Amino acid sequence: MPCRRTIGLIIANLLNPFHAQMASGLEREAAQRGYSALLCTSDEDIRKERGALDLLRRQRVCGVVLEPTEGSRAEVEGLVRSGLPVVEVDCISGAAGTAAVLSDNVAGAASAARHLLALGHRHIGTVAGDPSLTSGRERLEGLRAELERAGVPLPDRWVVTARYTAEDGYRAATALLSRPGPRPTALFVANIEMAVGTLQALHDAELRVPTDLSVVSFDDARWATLIAPPLTVIAQDAARLGRMAAQLVIDAVTGTAPRVPGVHRLPTTLIVRGSCQPPRT
């Protein structure tokens, strides 16, 4: 039975502005090329992801764009063996035979580190992403490598990891702040949803941003300019990620591009706002 002119899209969470913008970019690109998009969410749960993939198979989609979760590799390899084009976005599962579109996580996190170092910070901590995900590992790697180049250590006690949710960001930041010893003068937060929880944890601990702690977040959101002070961020072009993923999967469907065009990394942008200042002496 022939497939429909439909692309399946599985993302983690529509509440995250990054995912919503990415989905919007994909849907618009697909529509311009005569395709529709069928959206599912996984909540970073492999069981929900499998259910979504089963649904997309039943709907006879002609290709899948997937934000993989931990454990996605076997599922993705099964899709590839069946001949269904797959493009991964934001993270990489490690499955052979797929294309991927990512932000340059390492360079983005490194630019956050350079900004804090230029302000004079030498005690920098991080609310890092889930290390089982490419983005979580790469953002921590970029931060750590840039600090090492400057001769600035990143103590283990100032590194906490969590899922990309506000609730987990709150728990992780609270845990970091409660650890014995001096606290950092600046925090790098691995995504904007975690930044919501981190800022709440700082508020509950009666710590002021940026007087007591400077904060930089990976990702941007409209609300980041509306708080006081506005949040300094490493912005991703989420809509462009979605558009490129749509282009790659449709090109694979139509045979106008190789099935394995490789990994594409899009640049990020440091947007300096008011949440960072030099540390207090």
C-alpha atoms as a PDB file:
ATOM      1  CA  MET A   1       0.000   0.000   0.000  1.00  0.00           C
ATOM      2  CA  PRO A   2       1.555   3.343  -1.017  1.00  0.00           C
ATOM      3  CA  CYS A   3       2.448   5.870   1.664  1.00  0.00           C
ATOM      4  CA  ARG A   4       0.602   9.148   2.103  1.00  0.00           C
ATOM      5  CA  ARG A   5       2.270  12.510   1.455  1.00  0.00           C
ATOM      6  CA  THR A   6       2.676  12.866   5.201  1.00  0.00           C
ATOM      7  CA  ILE A   7       5.733  13.241   7.419  1.00  0.00           C
ATOM      8  CA  GLY A   8       5.651  11.931  10.959  1.00  0.00           C
ATOM      9  CA  LEU A   9       7.224  14.108  13.646  1.00  0.00           C
ATOM     10  CA  ILE A  10       7.964  12.916  17.184  1.00  0.00           C
ATOM     11  CA  ILE A  11       9.264  15.528  19.631  1.00  0.00           C
ATOM     12  CA  ALA A  12       9.724  15.482  23.381  1.00  0.00           C
ATOM     13  CA  ASN A  13       7.396  18.186  24.659  1.00  0.00           C
ATOM     14  CA  LEU A  14       5.250  20.891  23.061  1.00  0.00           C
ATOM     15  CA  LEU A  15       5.346  22.984  26.251  1.00  0.00           C
ATOM     16  CA  ASN A  16       8.979  23.795  25.475  1.00  0.00           C
ATOM     17  CA  PRO A  17       9.075  26.798  23.086  1.00  0.00           C
ATOM     18  CA  PHE A  18      12.055  25.261  21.292  1.00  0.00           C
ATOM     19  CA  HIS A  19      10.042  22.190  20.319  1.00  0.00           C
ATOM     20  CA  ALA A  20       7.012  24.233  19.276  1.00  0.00           C
ATOM     21  CA  GLN A  21       9.127  26.453  17.020  1.00  0.00           C
ATOM     22  CA  MET A  22      10.879  23.442  15.540  1.00  0.00           C
ATOM     23  CA  ALA A  23       7.551  21.753  14.778  1.00  0.00           C
ATOM     24  CA  SER A  24       6.238  24.959  13.207  1.00  0.00           C
ATOM     25  CA  GLY A  25       9.285  25.238  10.957  1.00  0.00           C
ATOM     26  CA  LEU A  26       8.916  21.636   9.832  1.00  0.00           C
ATOM     27  CA  GLU A  27       5.193  21.951   9.145  1.00  0.00           C
ATOM     28  CA  ARG A  28       5.646  25.096   7.051  1.00  0.00           C
ATOM     29  CA  GLU A  29       8.445  23.603   4.970  1.00  0.00           C
ATOM     30  CA  ALA A  30       6.471  20.410   4.428  1.00  0.00           C
ATOM     31  CA  ALA A  31       3.373  22.362   3.346  1.00  0.00           C
ATOM     32  CA  GLN A  32       5.388  24.354   0.825  1.00  0.00           C
ATOM     33  CA  ARG A  33       6.453  21.068  -0.763  1.00  0.00           C
ATOM     34  CA  GLY A  34       2.978  19.561  -0.779  1.00  0.00           C
ATOM     35  CA  TYR A  35       3.276  17.395   2.339  1.00  0.00           C
ATOM     36  CA  SER A  36       1.421  17.405   5.637  1.00  0.00           C
ATOM     37  CA  ALA A  37       2.873  16.698   9.085  1.00  0.00           C
ATOM     38  CA  LEU A  38       1.542  14.380  11.784  1.00  0.00           C
ATOM     39  CA  LEU A  39       2.788  15.409  15.211  1.00  0.00           C
ATOM     40  CA  CYS A  40       3.341  13.129  18.222  1.00  0.00           C
ATOM     41  CA  THR A  41       5.105  13.694  21.555  1.00  0.00           C
ATOM     42  CA  SER A  42       7.209  11.279  23.582  1.00  0.00           C
ATOM     43  CA  ASP A  43       7.854  13.127  26.878  1.00  0.00           C
ATOM     44  CA  GLU A  44      11.326  11.522  26.606  1.00  0.00           C
ATOM     45  CA  ASP A  45       9.669   8.167  27.383  1.00  0.00           C
ATOM     46  CA  ILE A  46      10.705   5.259  25.142  1.00  0.00           C
ATOM     47  CA  ARG A  47       7.335   3.553  25.658  1.00  0.00           C
ATOM     48  CA  LYS A  48       5.447   6.609  24.414  1.00  0.00           C
ATOM     49  CA  GLU A  49       7.905   6.893  21.538  1.00  0.00           C
ATOM     50  CA  ARG A  50       7.231   3.296  20.485  1.00  0.00           C
ATOM     51  CA  GLY A  51       3.492   3.938  20.616  1.00  0.00           C
ATOM     52  CA  ALA A  52       3.939   7.027  18.446  1.00  0.00           C
ATOM     53  CA  LEU A  53       6.015   5.086  15.920  1.00  0.00           C
ATOM     54  CA  ASP A  54       3.330   2.385  15.741  1.00  0.00           C
ATOM     55  CA  LEU A  55       0.751   5.082  15.061  1.00  0.00           C
ATOM     56  CA  LEU A  56       2.865   6.629  12.306  1.00  0.00           C
ATOM     57  CA  ARG A  57       3.333   3.239  10.650  1.00  0.00           C
ATOM     58  CA  ARG A  58      -0.418   2.662  10.676  1.00  0.00           C
ATOM     59  CA  GLN A  59      -0.926   6.089   9.156  1.00  0.00           C
ATOM     60  CA  ARG A  60       1.484   5.112   6.349  1.00  0.00           C
ATOM     61  CA  VAL A  61       3.718   8.152   6.667  1.00  0.00           C
ATOM     62  CA  CYS A  62       6.411   8.394   4.013  1.00  0.00           C
ATOM     63  CA  GLY A  63       9.163   9.509   6.391  1.00  0.00           C
ATOM     64  CA  VAL A  64       9.826  10.252  10.049  1.00  0.00           C
ATOM     65  CA  VAL A  65      11.553  13.135  11.813  1.00  0.00           C
ATOM     66  CA  LEU A  66      12.390  12.059  15.344  1.00  0.00           C
ATOM     67  CA  GLU A  67      13.842  13.712  18.427  1.00  0.00           C
ATOM     68  CA  PRO A  68      15.288  10.523  19.906  1.00  0.00           C
ATOM     69  CA  THR A  69      15.116   9.565  23.559  1.00  0.00           C
ATOM     70  CA  GLU A  70      17.349   7.257  25.545  1.00  0.00           C
ATOM     71  CA  GLY A  71      16.824   3.811  24.046  1.00  0.00           C
ATOM     72  CA  SER A  72      15.686   5.008  20.599  1.00  0.00           C
ATOM     73  CA  ARG A  73      18.522   3.373  18.684  1.00  0.00           C
ATOM     74  CA  ALA A  74      16.907  -0.036  18.179  1.00  0.00           C
ATOM     75  CA  GLU A  75      13.611   1.535  17.148  1.00  0.00           C
ATOM     76  CA  VAL A  76      15.288   3.820  14.620  1.00  0.00           C
ATOM     77  CA  GLU A  77      17.377   1.024  13.156  1.00  0.00           C
ATOM     78  CA  GLY A  78      14.181  -0.986  12.684  1.00  0.00           C
ATOM     79  CA  LEU A  79      12.644   1.890  10.718  1.00  0.00           C
ATOM     80  CA  VAL A  80      15.737   2.167   8.540  1.00  0.00           C
ATOM     81  CA  ARG A  81      15.741  -1.570   7.798  1.00  0.00           C
ATOM     82  CA  SER A  82      12.100  -1.277   6.712  1.00  0.00           C
ATOM     83  CA  GLY A  83      13.127   1.328   4.133  1.00  0.00           C
ATOM     84  CA  LEU A  84      11.446   4.296   5.831  1.00  0.00           C
ATOM     85  CA  PRO A  85      13.548   7.488   5.664  1.00  0.00           C
ATOM     86  CA  VAL A  86      14.402   8.828   9.126  1.00  0.00           C
ATOM     87  CA  VAL A  87      15.933  12.163  10.095  1.00  0.00           C
ATOM     88  CA  GLU A  88      16.907  12.785  13.715  1.00  0.00           C
ATOM     89  CA  VAL A  89      16.675  16.282  15.121  1.00  0.00           C
ATOM     90  CA  ASP A  90      18.213  17.928  18.217  1.00  0.00           C
ATOM     91  CA  CYS A  91      19.785  14.632  19.397  1.00  0.00           C
ATOM     92  CA  ILE A  92      21.421  11.566  17.843  1.00  0.00           C
ATOM     93  CA  SER A  93      20.433   8.023  18.784  1.00  0.00           C
ATOM     94  CA  GLY A  94      23.552   6.397  17.339  1.00  0.00           C
ATOM     95  CA  ALA A  95      21.548   4.416  14.790  1.00  0.00           C
ATOM     96  CA  ALA A  96      23.208   3.839  11.427  1.00  0.00           C
ATOM     97  CA  GLY A  97      21.507   4.991   8.257  1.00  0.00           C
ATOM     98  CA  THR A  98      19.958   8.244   9.484  1.00  0.00           C
ATOM     99  CA  ALA A  99      20.567  11.901   8.861  1.00  0.00           C
ATOM    100  CA  ALA A 100      20.592  14.375  11.756  1.00  0.00           C
ATOM    101  CA  VAL A 101      20.096  18.113  12.215  1.00  0.00           C
ATOM    102  CA  LEU A 102      21.463  19.618  15.440  1.00  0.00           C
ATOM    103  CA  SER A 103      22.512  22.913  16.898  1.00  0.00           C
ATOM    104  CA  ASP A 104      26.226  23.298  17.538  1.00  0.00           C
ATOM    105  CA  ASN A 105      25.882  22.481  21.223  1.00  0.00           C
ATOM    106  CA  VAL A 106      29.604  22.433  21.988  1.00  0.00           C
ATOM    107  CA  ALA A 107      30.281  25.844  20.440  1.00  0.00           C
ATOM    108  CA  GLY A 108      27.156  27.329  22.020  1.00  0.00           C
ATOM    109  CA  ALA A 109      28.073  26.225  25.524  1.00  0.00           C
ATOM    110  CA  ALA A 110      31.643  27.381  24.957  1.00  0.00           C
ATOM    111  CA  SER A 111      30.384  30.868  24.065  1.00  0.00           C
ATOM    112  CA  ALA A 112      28.442  30.953  27.344  1.00  0.00           C
ATOM    113  CA  ALA A 113      31.627  30.044  29.223  1.00  0.00           C
ATOM    114  CA  ARG A 114      33.625  32.728  27.421  1.00  0.00           C
ATOM    115  CA  HIS A 115      31.022  35.348  28.291  1.00  0.00           C
ATOM    116  CA  LEU A 116      31.139  34.476  31.982  1.00  0.00           C
ATOM    117  CA  LEU A 117      34.935  34.293  31.978  1.00  0.00           C
ATOM    118  CA  ALA A 118      35.165  37.706  30.310  1.00  0.00           C
ATOM    119  CA  LEU A 119      33.067  39.138  33.150  1.00  0.00           C
ATOM    120  CA  GLY A 120      35.598  37.782  35.634  1.00  0.00           C
ATOM    121  CA  HIS A 121      33.820  34.641  36.870  1.00  0.00           C
ATOM    122  CA  ARG A 122      36.106  31.829  37.986  1.00  0.00           C
ATOM    123  CA  HIS A 123      33.555  29.863  40.031  1.00  0.00           C
ATOM    124  CA  ILE A 124      31.057  28.554  37.487  1.00  0.00           C
ATOM    125  CA  GLY A 125      28.556  25.755  38.001  1.00  0.00           C
ATOM    126  CA  THR A 126      25.998  24.134  35.727  1.00  0.00           C
ATOM    127  CA  VAL A 127      22.525  22.658  35.774  1.00  0.00           C
ATOM    128  CA  ALA A 128      23.353  20.245  32.970  1.00  0.00           C
ATOM    129  CA  GLY A 129      21.125  18.178  30.706  1.00  0.00           C
ATOM    130  CA  ASP A 130      20.574  14.440  30.772  1.00  0.00           C
ATOM    131  CA  PRO A 131      23.936  12.881  29.783  1.00  0.00           C
ATOM    132  CA  SER A 132      22.139  10.061  27.962  1.00  0.00           C
ATOM    133  CA  LEU A 133      21.108  12.657  25.335  1.00  0.00           C
ATOM    134  CA  THR A 134      23.504  14.096  22.768  1.00  0.00           C
ATOM    135  CA  SER A 135      22.561  17.663  23.633  1.00  0.00           C
ATOM    136  CA  GLY A 136      23.130  17.125  27.355  1.00  0.00           C
ATOM    137  CA  ARG A 137      26.559  15.582  26.829  1.00  0.00           C
ATOM    138  CA  GLU A 138      27.714  18.109  24.243  1.00  0.00           C
ATOM    139  CA  ARG A 139      26.650  21.197  26.176  1.00  0.00           C
ATOM    140  CA  LEU A 140      28.488  20.010  29.275  1.00  0.00           C
ATOM    141  CA  GLU A 141      31.481  19.098  27.124  1.00  0.00           C
ATOM    142  CA  GLY A 142      31.568  22.556  25.530  1.00  0.00           C
ATOM    143  CA  LEU A 143      31.371  24.314  28.898  1.00  0.00           C
ATOM    144  CA  ARG A 144      33.997  22.105  30.520  1.00  0.00           C
ATOM    145  CA  ALA A 145      36.459  22.354  27.610  1.00  0.00           C
ATOM    146  CA  GLU A 146      36.280  26.156  27.460  1.00  0.00           C
ATOM    147  CA  LEU A 147      36.805  26.466  31.211  1.00  0.00           C
ATOM    148  CA  GLU A 148      39.766  24.094  31.019  1.00  0.00           C
ATOM    149  CA  ARG A 149      41.320  26.206  28.260  1.00  0.00           C
ATOM    150  CA  ALA A 150      41.097  29.187  30.618  1.00  0.00           C
ATOM    151  CA  GLY A 151      42.593  27.196  33.493  1.00  0.00           C
ATOM    152  CA  VAL A 152      39.321  27.316  35.447  1.00  0.00           C
ATOM    153  CA  PRO A 153      38.170  24.070  37.111  1.00  0.00           C
ATOM    154  CA  LEU A 154      34.603  22.763  37.044  1.00  0.00           C
ATOM    155  CA  PRO A 155      34.258  20.911  40.358  1.00  0.00           C
ATOM    156  CA  ASP A 156      31.959  17.890  40.426  1.00  0.00           C
ATOM    157  CA  ARG A 157      29.992  19.438  43.290  1.00  0.00           C
ATOM    158  CA  TRP A 158      28.994  22.286  40.970  1.00  0.00           C
ATOM    159  CA  VAL A 159      27.655  19.963  38.256  1.00  0.00           C
ATOM    160  CA  VAL A 160      24.114  18.584  38.553  1.00  0.00           C
ATOM    161  CA  THR A 161      22.245  16.818  35.750  1.00  0.00           C
ATOM    162  CA  ALA A 162      18.521  16.622  35.120  1.00  0.00           C
ATOM    163  CA  ARG A 163      15.867  16.091  32.485  1.00  0.00           C
ATOM    164  CA  TYR A 164      14.839  19.066  30.393  1.00  0.00           C
ATOM    165  CA  THR A 165      11.869  20.131  32.526  1.00  0.00           C
ATOM    166  CA  ALA A 166      11.218  23.022  34.875  1.00  0.00           C
ATOM    167  CA  GLU A 167      10.531  20.618  37.744  1.00  0.00           C
ATOM    168  CA  ASP A 168      13.815  18.769  37.280  1.00  0.00           C
ATOM    169  CA  GLY A 169      15.656  22.054  36.846  1.00  0.00           C
ATOM    170  CA  TYR A 170      14.276  23.220  40.184  1.00  0.00           C
ATOM    171  CA  ARG A 171      15.308  20.014  41.959  1.00  0.00           C
ATOM    172  CA  ALA A 172      18.776  20.060  40.397  1.00  0.00           C
ATOM    173  CA  ALA A 173      19.441  23.717  41.204  1.00  0.00           C
ATOM    174  CA  THR A 174      18.179  23.260  44.757  1.00  0.00           C
ATOM    175  CA  ALA A 175      20.517  20.288  45.197  1.00  0.00           C
ATOM    176  CA  LEU A 176      23.484  22.264  43.854  1.00  0.00           C
ATOM    177  CA  LEU A 177      22.802  25.220  46.149  1.00  0.00           C
ATOM    178  CA  SER A 178      22.492  22.949  49.196  1.00  0.00           C
ATOM    179  CA  ARG A 179      25.881  21.287  48.741  1.00  0.00           C
ATOM    180  CA  PRO A 180      28.554  22.124  51.326  1.00  0.00           C
ATOM    181  CA  GLY A 181      31.302  24.578  50.576  1.00  0.00           C
ATOM    182  CA  PRO A 182      31.332  27.819  48.601  1.00  0.00           C
ATOM    183  CA  ARG A 183      28.689  28.208  45.931  1.00  0.00           C
ATOM    184  CA  PRO A 184      29.475  29.282  42.359  1.00  0.00           C
ATOM    185  CA  THR A 185      29.159  32.906  41.303  1.00  0.00           C
ATOM    186  CA  ALA A 186      27.579  31.943  37.946  1.00  0.00           C
ATOM    187  CA  LEU A 187      25.420  29.152  36.527  1.00  0.00           C
ATOM    188  CA  PHE A 188      25.094  27.773  33.009  1.00  0.00           C
ATOM    189  CA  VAL A 189      21.694  26.098  32.554  1.00  0.00           C
ATOM    190  CA  ALA A 190      21.356  23.554  29.742  1.00  0.00           C
ATOM    191  CA  ASN A 191      17.903  24.541  28.453  1.00  0.00           C
ATOM    192  CA  ILE A 192      15.194  27.145  28.882  1.00  0.00           C
ATOM    193  CA  GLU A 193      12.694  24.912  30.686  1.00  0.00           C
ATOM    194  CA  MET A 194      15.346  23.999  33.251  1.00  0.00           C
ATOM    195  CA  ALA A 195      16.083  27.724  33.559  1.00  0.00           C
ATOM    196  CA  VAL A 196      12.493  28.289  34.769  1.00  0.00           C
ATOM    197  CA  GLY A 197      13.085  25.863  37.638  1.00  0.00           C
ATOM    198  CA  THR A 198      16.570  27.205  38.329  1.00  0.00           C
ATOM    199  CA  LEU A 199      15.348  30.788  38.633  1.00  0.00           C
ATOM    200  CA  GLN A 200      12.595  29.631  40.999  1.00  0.00           C
ATOM    201  CA  ALA A 201      15.163  27.780  43.117  1.00  0.00           C
ATOM    202  CA  LEU A 202      17.327  30.900  43.310  1.00  0.00           C
ATOM    203  CA  HIS A 203      14.304  32.971  44.307  1.00  0.00           C
ATOM    204  CA  ASP A 204      13.338  30.478  47.013  1.00  0.00           C
ATOM    205  CA  ALA A 205      16.923  30.556  48.329  1.00  0.00           C
ATOM    206  CA  GLU A 206      16.706  34.379  48.465  1.00  0.00           C
ATOM    207  CA  LEU A 207      19.533  34.749  45.953  1.00  0.00           C
ATOM    208  CA  ARG A 208      19.371  37.645  43.514  1.00  0.00           C
ATOM    209  CA  VAL A 209      20.217  37.467  39.814  1.00  0.00           C
ATOM    210  CA  PRO A 210      22.751  38.747  38.877  1.00  0.00           C
ATOM    211  CA  THR A 211      23.893  40.299  42.180  1.00  0.00           C
ATOM    212  CA  ASP A 212      24.424  36.948  43.923  1.00  0.00           C
ATOM    213  CA  LEU A 213      24.597  34.642  40.898  1.00  0.00           C
ATOM    214  CA  SER A 214      24.836  35.300  37.179  1.00  0.00           C
ATOM    215  CA  VAL A 215      22.785  32.983  34.942  1.00  0.00           C
ATOM    216  CA  VAL A 216      23.093  31.989  31.272  1.00  0.00           C
ATOM    217  CA  SER A 217      20.666  29.552  29.659  1.00  0.00           C
ATOM    218  CA  PHE A 218      20.888  27.499  26.486  1.00  0.00           C
ATOM    219  CA  ASP A 219      17.724  28.247  24.420  1.00  0.00           C
ATOM    220  CA  ASP A 220      15.660  31.393  24.222  1.00  0.00           C
ATOM    221  CA  ALA A 221      11.975  32.108  24.864  1.00  0.00           C
ATOM    222  CA  ARG A 222       9.723  35.149  24.658  1.00  0.00           C
ATOM    223  CA  TRP A 223       9.367  35.316  28.427  1.00  0.00           C
ATOM    224  CA  ALA A 224      13.162  35.605  28.822  1.00  0.00           C
ATOM    225  CA  THR A 225      12.972  39.293  27.883  1.00  0.00           C
ATOM    226  CA  LEU A 226      10.010  39.997  30.170  1.00  0.00           C
ATOM    227  CA  ILE A 227      11.513  39.025  33.524  1.00  0.00           C
ATOM    228  CA  ALA A 228      13.710  41.287  35.624  1.00  0.00           C
ATOM    229  CA  PRO A 229      16.498  41.075  34.818  1.00  0.00           C
ATOM    230  CA  PRO A 230      16.103  39.707  31.264  1.00  0.00           C
ATOM    231  CA  LEU A 231      17.872  36.391  30.752  1.00  0.00           C
ATOM    232  CA  THR A 232      21.142  36.043  28.839  1.00  0.00           C
ATOM    233  CA  VAL A 233      20.816  33.068  26.483  1.00  0.00           C
ATOM    234  CA  ILE A 234      22.441  30.931  23.824  1.00  0.00           C
ATOM    235  CA  ALA A 235      19.723  31.043  21.167  1.00  0.00           C
ATOM    236  CA  GLN A 236      19.057  28.195  18.750  1.00  0.00           C
ATOM    237  CA  ASP A 237      17.304  28.653  15.401  1.00  0.00           C
ATOM    238  CA  ALA A 238      14.640  26.072  16.194  1.00  0.00           C
ATOM    239  CA  ALA A 239      12.465  26.877  13.167  1.00  0.00           C
ATOM    240  CA  ARG A 240      15.448  26.402  10.855  1.00  0.00           C
ATOM    241  CA  LEU A 241      16.193  23.040  12.466  1.00  0.00           C
ATOM    242  CA  GLY A 242      12.636  21.970  11.663  1.00  0.00           C
ATOM    243  CA  ARG A 243      12.794  23.284   8.109  1.00  0.00           C
ATOM    244  CA  MET A 244      16.062  21.503   7.372  1.00  0.00           C
ATOM    245  CA  ALA A 245      14.793  18.241   8.859  1.00  0.00           C
ATOM    246  CA  ALA A 246      11.729  18.455   6.595  1.00  0.00           C
ATOM    247  CA  GLN A 247      13.895  19.150   3.569  1.00  0.00           C
ATOM    248  CA  LEU A 248      16.156  16.185   4.279  1.00  0.00           C
ATOM    249  CA  VAL A 249      13.388  13.670   4.867  1.00  0.00           C
ATOM    250  CA  ILE A 250      11.378  14.788   1.811  1.00  0.00           C
ATOM    251  CA  ASP A 251      14.506  14.708  -0.366  1.00  0.00           C
ATOM    252  CA  ALA A 252      15.104  11.144   0.845  1.00  0.00           C
ATOM    253  CA  VAL A 253      11.491  10.198   0.039  1.00  0.00           C
ATOM    254  CA  THR A 254      11.660  11.650  -3.466  1.00  0.00           C
ATOM    255  CA  GLY A 255      15.153  10.350  -4.182  1.00  0.00           C
ATOM    256  CA  THR A 256      16.584  13.808  -4.815  1.00  0.00           C
ATOM    257  CA  ALA A 257      19.207  13.426  -2.083  1.00  0.00           C
ATOM    258  CA  PRO A 258      21.143  10.535  -0.521  1.00  0.00           C
ATOM    259  CA  ARG A 259      19.449   8.612   2.269  1.00  0.00           C
ATOM    260  CA  VAL A 260      22.425   9.302   4.568  1.00  0.00           C
ATOM    261  CA  PRO A 261      23.449  12.932   4.034  1.00  0.00           C
ATOM    262  CA  GLY A 262      25.222  13.068   7.403  1.00  0.00           C
ATOM    263  CA  VAL A 263      25.017  15.322  10.445  1.00  0.00           C
ATOM    264  CA  HIS A 264      24.211  19.009   9.974  1.00  0.00           C
ATOM    265  CA  ARG A 265      25.032  21.425  12.787  1.00  0.00           C
ATOM    266  CA  LEU A 266      23.511  24.901  12.855  1.00  0.00           C
ATOM    267  CA  PRO A 267      25.199  27.808  14.655  1.00  0.00           C
ATOM    268  CA  THR A 268      23.907  29.328  17.882  1.00  0.00           C
ATOM    269  CA  THR A 269      23.889  32.969  18.982  1.00  0.00           C
ATOM    270  CA  LEU A 270      24.872  34.494  22.324  1.00  0.00           C
ATOM    271  CA  ILE A 271      22.281  37.129  23.290  1.00  0.00           C
ATOM    272  CA  VAL A 272      23.553  39.251  26.168  1.00  0.00           C
ATOM    273  CA  ARG A 273      20.870  40.632  28.472  1.00  0.00           C
ATOM    274  CA  GLY A 274      20.803  41.575  32.127  1.00  0.00           C
ATOM    275  CA  SER A 275      21.222  38.300  34.045  1.00  0.00           C
ATOM    276  CA  CYS A 276      25.035  38.399  34.141  1.00  0.00           C
ATOM    277  CA  GLN A 277      27.468  40.803  35.735  1.00  0.00           C
ATOM    278  CA  PRO A 278      30.985  40.598  37.190  1.00  0.00           C
ATOM    279  CA  PRO A 279      31.141  38.632  40.452  1.00  0.00           C
ATOM    280  CA  ARG A 280      31.158  40.458  43.728  1.00  0.00           C
ATOM    281  CA  THR A 281      34.629  40.633  45.230  1.00  0.00           C
END
